[in-house]
Amino acid sequence: VVRLEDIAEIIRPQNIRPAQGDASELFSEVVVGDIPDGGFICIQKEKKERKRVDKIDVPKARRSLLKPYDILLSIKGNTGIVGVMGDKIPENSIANQMFTILRLHKDPKNNAVYLYMYLKSSLAQTVLNHVTIKGTTLDSIPAQALADLKIPVLSEEQKNKMFRSFENIGVLCDRVNSIKKEISDKFDDFVM
């Protein structure tokens, strides 16, 4: 096993205030609702609301710009929600402060899939739930507990099995989304 902080940079986005008057830059903020059931987070620039950021907070926003294969883990509120950024990210995309960004040191594409799959597993979800501090208004995962999170090292055979599972999950999620659209369309059948 390895500790999470040994394989990834842990970035905690800061609270970024909306602009009051003279704004200098626009940013797209990834929120918990953008996390799909499985697979990569795909943000469509034309559909994503852009947030005007106050000049004083632009440097904070720039420090937490998202990169391909960053993993987002919710650490406040509904903790343990996990998503991985795809390879196409609109310019000036940042993570909401409810997340922490996990940026892998080596081979981000392959290791992001592995870390994502592990963090979504029932074992990791149980551990994350155990280290979550239950607050009166907001649950949270402490920074040190996250840094110390133990990540198993897989054999080549286990890695291959994991990648096949990831691909299968993508196919299943596509089918589920297709069924959801079909159901949604049925609500409109009688009015068209």
Protein backbone atom coordinates (compact mmCIF):
# COMPACT_ATOMS: atom_id res chain seq x y z
CA VAL A 1 0.00 0.00 0.00
CA VAL A 2 0.96 3.64 -0.48
CA ARG A 3 -0.36 6.80 1.12
CA LEU A 4 -2.48 9.06 -1.07
CA GLU A 5 -0.16 12.05 -0.55
CA ASP A 6 2.76 9.94 -1.84
CA ILE A 7 1.13 9.44 -5.25
CA ALA A 8 -0.88 12.63 -5.71
CA GLU A 9 -0.80 16.33 -5.03
CA ILE A 10 -3.79 17.22 -2.86
CA ILE A 11 -5.21 20.61 -3.82
CA ARG A 12 -7.97 22.22 -1.78
CA PRO A 13 -9.86 24.85 -3.79
CA GLN A 14 -10.51 28.09 -1.92
CA ASN A 15 -13.77 29.97 -1.60
CA ILE A 16 -13.97 32.25 -4.61
CA ARG A 17 -16.30 35.20 -4.38
CA PRO A 18 -18.49 36.24 -7.27
CA ALA A 19 -17.56 39.59 -8.76
CA GLN A 20 -18.99 42.75 -7.27
CA GLY A 21 -18.82 45.26 -10.06
CA ASP A 22 -15.51 45.21 -11.91
CA ALA A 23 -14.82 41.55 -12.71
CA SER A 24 -11.66 40.55 -14.47
CA GLU A 25 -12.20 36.92 -15.54
CA LEU A 26 -14.83 34.26 -16.16
CA PHE A 27 -14.48 30.72 -14.78
CA SER A 28 -16.53 27.52 -15.13
CA GLU A 29 -17.03 25.85 -11.77
CA VAL A 30 -17.44 22.07 -11.55
CA VAL A 31 -20.01 21.22 -8.88
CA VAL A 32 -21.18 17.93 -7.36
CA GLY A 33 -24.07 17.77 -9.84
CA ASP A 34 -21.55 17.54 -12.71
CA ILE A 35 -20.22 14.19 -11.46
CA PRO A 36 -21.59 11.31 -13.57
CA ASP A 37 -22.45 7.86 -12.20
CA GLY A 38 -19.38 6.40 -13.86
CA GLY A 39 -16.51 7.47 -16.04
CA PHE A 40 -15.10 10.82 -16.98
CA ILE A 41 -16.56 14.23 -16.18
CA CYS A 42 -17.35 15.88 -19.51
CA ILE A 43 -18.02 19.60 -19.23
CA GLN A 44 -19.60 21.10 -22.31
CA LYS A 45 -18.46 24.71 -22.48
CA GLU A 46 -21.64 25.97 -24.12
CA LYS A 47 -23.84 24.40 -21.43
CA LYS A 48 -21.76 25.36 -18.38
CA GLU A 49 -22.63 28.57 -16.57
CA ARG A 50 -19.60 30.80 -16.21
CA LYS A 51 -18.89 32.59 -12.96
CA ARG A 52 -17.50 36.12 -12.87
CA VAL A 53 -14.67 36.19 -10.35
CA ASP A 54 -13.69 39.26 -8.37
CA LYS A 55 -10.23 40.56 -9.32
CA ILE A 56 -8.86 39.89 -5.86
CA ASP A 57 -9.78 36.16 -6.11
CA VAL A 58 -8.43 35.51 -9.62
CA PRO A 59 -5.02 34.28 -8.30
CA LYS A 60 -6.81 31.80 -5.99
CA ALA A 61 -8.93 30.58 -8.89
CA ARG A 62 -5.87 30.18 -11.13
CA ARG A 63 -4.15 27.96 -8.52
CA SER A 64 -7.02 25.48 -8.74
CA LEU A 65 -7.48 25.31 -12.51
CA LEU A 66 -8.43 21.78 -13.50
CA LYS A 67 -6.19 19.63 -15.68
CA PRO A 68 -6.93 16.45 -17.64
CA TYR A 69 -7.21 13.38 -15.39
CA ASP A 70 -7.54 15.35 -12.15
CA ILE A 71 -9.68 13.42 -9.71
CA LEU A 72 -12.34 15.35 -7.80
CA LEU A 73 -13.36 14.00 -4.39
CA SER A 74 -16.09 15.69 -2.39
CA ILE A 75 -14.76 16.41 1.09
CA LYS A 76 -17.55 18.64 2.42
CA GLY A 77 -21.28 18.03 2.66
CA ASN A 78 -22.08 14.81 0.81
CA THR A 79 -18.57 13.37 1.16
CA GLY A 80 -17.03 10.60 -0.92
CA ILE A 81 -18.44 11.55 -4.35
CA VAL A 82 -15.72 10.89 -6.93
CA GLY A 83 -15.21 11.96 -10.52
CA VAL A 84 -12.28 12.12 -12.92
CA MET A 85 -11.79 14.92 -15.42
CA GLY A 86 -11.63 13.91 -19.07
CA ASP A 87 -8.94 15.06 -21.45
CA LYS A 88 -10.97 17.98 -22.83
CA ILE A 89 -11.61 20.70 -20.26
CA PRO A 90 -12.99 24.14 -21.12
CA GLU A 91 -10.59 27.00 -20.44
CA ASN A 92 -10.68 28.40 -16.89
CA SER A 93 -12.45 25.42 -15.32
CA ILE A 94 -12.15 25.17 -11.54
CA ALA A 95 -13.49 22.85 -8.86
CA ASN A 96 -16.06 23.99 -6.32
CA GLN A 97 -14.70 24.27 -2.78
CA MET A 98 -16.70 21.18 -1.76
CA PHE A 99 -14.04 19.14 -3.58
CA THR A 100 -10.40 18.39 -3.21
CA ILE A 101 -8.40 17.92 -6.40
CA LEU A 102 -6.14 14.87 -6.56
CA ARG A 103 -3.44 15.40 -9.20
CA LEU A 104 -1.37 12.28 -9.77
CA HIS A 105 2.41 12.54 -9.94
CA LYS A 106 3.00 9.73 -12.49
CA ASP A 107 1.12 8.46 -15.56
CA PRO A 108 -2.01 10.53 -14.83
CA LYS A 109 -4.27 8.92 -17.44
CA ASN A 110 -3.87 5.30 -16.32
CA ASN A 111 -3.40 6.03 -12.64
CA ALA A 112 -6.44 8.34 -12.60
CA VAL A 113 -8.63 5.47 -13.76
CA TYR A 114 -7.11 3.22 -11.08
CA LEU A 115 -7.48 5.77 -8.25
CA TYR A 116 -10.99 6.64 -9.39
CA MET A 117 -12.00 2.96 -9.41
CA TYR A 118 -10.50 2.44 -5.96
CA LEU A 119 -12.15 5.54 -4.46
CA LYS A 120 -15.52 4.42 -5.88
CA SER A 121 -15.13 0.93 -4.37
CA SER A 122 -17.17 -0.06 -1.33
CA LEU A 123 -13.92 -0.54 0.64
CA ALA A 124 -12.70 3.01 0.00
CA GLN A 125 -16.19 4.47 0.52
CA THR A 126 -16.36 2.73 3.93
CA VAL A 127 -12.95 4.15 4.89
CA LEU A 128 -13.92 7.65 3.70
CA ASN A 129 -17.17 7.44 5.63
CA HIS A 130 -15.25 6.34 8.74
CA VAL A 131 -12.85 9.32 8.61
CA THR A 132 -15.60 11.83 7.82
CA ILE A 133 -16.29 14.20 10.70
CA LYS A 134 -20.03 14.54 11.16
CA GLY A 135 -20.68 18.23 11.70
CA THR A 136 -23.85 19.94 12.90
CA THR A 137 -24.21 21.73 9.55
CA LEU A 138 -21.67 20.11 7.22
CA ASP A 139 -19.76 16.82 7.19
CA SER A 140 -16.09 16.99 6.17
CA ILE A 141 -13.04 14.83 5.56
CA PRO A 142 -9.97 16.20 7.40
CA ALA A 143 -6.91 16.99 5.27
CA GLN A 144 -4.59 14.68 7.22
CA ALA A 145 -7.01 11.74 7.06
CA LEU A 146 -7.14 12.17 3.28
CA ALA A 147 -3.35 12.47 2.98
CA ASP A 148 -2.93 9.28 5.03
CA LEU A 149 -5.50 7.30 3.04
CA LYS A 150 -3.97 3.92 2.13
CA ILE A 151 -4.10 3.03 -1.55
CA PRO A 152 -3.41 -0.61 -2.51
CA VAL A 153 -0.80 -1.34 -5.17
CA LEU A 154 -2.14 -3.72 -7.83
CA SER A 155 -0.44 -6.49 -9.76
CA GLU A 156 -0.51 -6.30 -13.59
CA GLU A 157 -3.30 -8.89 -13.65
CA GLN A 158 -5.37 -6.86 -11.17
CA LYS A 159 -4.76 -3.67 -13.20
CA ASN A 160 -5.96 -5.35 -16.40
CA LYS A 161 -9.09 -6.59 -14.64
CA MET A 162 -9.69 -3.09 -13.24
CA PHE A 163 -9.40 -1.46 -16.70
CA ARG A 164 -11.86 -4.00 -18.14
CA SER A 165 -14.27 -3.19 -15.31
CA PHE A 166 -13.90 0.54 -15.99
CA GLU A 167 -14.74 0.00 -19.67
CA ASN A 168 -17.74 -2.17 -18.73
CA ILE A 169 -18.98 0.51 -16.32
CA GLY A 170 -18.81 3.06 -19.14
CA VAL A 171 -20.94 0.81 -21.38
CA LEU A 172 -23.45 0.23 -18.58
CA CYS A 173 -23.67 3.97 -17.80
CA ASP A 174 -24.29 4.71 -21.49
CA ARG A 175 -27.15 2.19 -21.46
CA VAL A 176 -28.60 3.67 -18.26
CA ASN A 177 -28.43 7.20 -19.72
CA SER A 178 -30.13 5.99 -22.89
CA ILE A 179 -32.93 4.41 -20.83
CA LYS A 180 -33.29 7.61 -18.75
CA LYS A 181 -33.65 9.64 -21.97
CA GLU A 182 -36.20 7.15 -23.31
CA ILE A 183 -38.22 7.46 -20.08
CA SER A 184 -37.99 11.27 -20.21
CA ASP A 185 -39.15 11.23 -23.83
CA LYS A 186 -42.21 9.16 -22.82
CA PHE A 187 -43.40 12.04 -20.62
CA ASP A 188 -43.49 14.20 -23.73
CA ASP A 189 -45.16 11.64 -26.05
CA PHE A 190 -48.70 12.73 -25.26
CA VAL A 191 -48.10 16.47 -25.77
CA MET A 192 -46.28 16.25 -29.10
